[in-house]
Protein backbone atom coordinates (compact mmCIF):
# COMPACT_ATOMS: atom_id res chain seq x y z
CA MET A 1 -5.33 -5.62 5.01
CA SER A 2 -9.00 -5.13 5.74
CA GLU A 3 -11.60 -7.07 3.81
CA ASP A 4 -13.06 -3.82 2.45
CA LEU A 5 -9.69 -2.65 1.15
CA THR A 6 -8.98 -6.04 -0.38
CA GLN A 7 -12.33 -5.94 -2.21
CA GLN A 8 -11.72 -2.36 -3.34
CA VAL A 9 -8.28 -3.23 -4.73
CA GLN A 10 -9.63 -6.31 -6.52
CA GLU A 11 -12.38 -4.24 -8.15
CA GLU A 12 -9.90 -1.54 -9.16
CA VAL A 13 -7.51 -4.09 -10.71
CA VAL A 14 -10.36 -5.51 -12.79
CA ARG A 15 -11.45 -2.01 -13.83
CA VAL A 16 -7.93 -0.88 -14.71
CA SER A 17 -7.24 -4.08 -16.65
CA ALA A 18 -10.15 -3.17 -18.92
CA LEU A 19 -8.72 0.27 -19.70
CA PRO A 20 -6.72 0.96 -22.86
CA LEU A 21 -3.06 0.01 -22.39
CA GLU A 22 -1.86 3.61 -22.47
CA GLU A 23 -4.08 4.47 -19.49
CA GLN A 24 -3.16 1.48 -17.34
CA PRO A 25 0.22 2.64 -15.92
CA ALA A 26 -1.27 5.75 -14.32
CA ALA A 27 -4.27 3.84 -13.02
CA PHE A 28 -2.12 1.08 -11.52
CA ALA A 29 0.09 3.78 -9.98
CA ALA A 30 -3.00 5.19 -8.26
CA ILE A 31 -3.72 1.74 -6.77
CA ARG A 32 -0.11 1.50 -5.61
CA ASP A 33 -0.37 4.95 -4.01
CA LEU A 34 -3.52 3.88 -2.16
CA LEU A 35 -1.79 0.75 -0.87
CA GLU A 36 1.32 2.68 0.21
CA LYS A 37 -0.82 5.29 1.98
CA THR A 38 -2.74 2.54 3.77
CA LEU A 39 0.45 0.74 4.75
CA ASN A 40 2.04 3.93 6.05
CA SER A 41 -1.13 4.79 7.96
CA ASP A 42 -1.17 1.32 9.57
CA GLU A 43 2.53 1.62 10.49
CA ASN A 44 1.97 5.02 12.10
CA SER A 45 -1.03 3.71 14.04
CA SER A 46 0.91 0.73 15.43
CA GLN A 47 3.88 2.92 16.37
CA ALA A 48 1.63 5.26 18.33
CA ASN A 49 0.46 2.43 20.57
């Protein structure tokens, strides 16, 4: 994982942790979606080579 993405995820986790509990599941799901998208993008890039 790139350093920029790692920093972005860390900042998002801190931000989401400060949200009211009822808002956290959706916000953490958005982080998960970003990570899955990044992982799938990296897999597709390595398969193309």
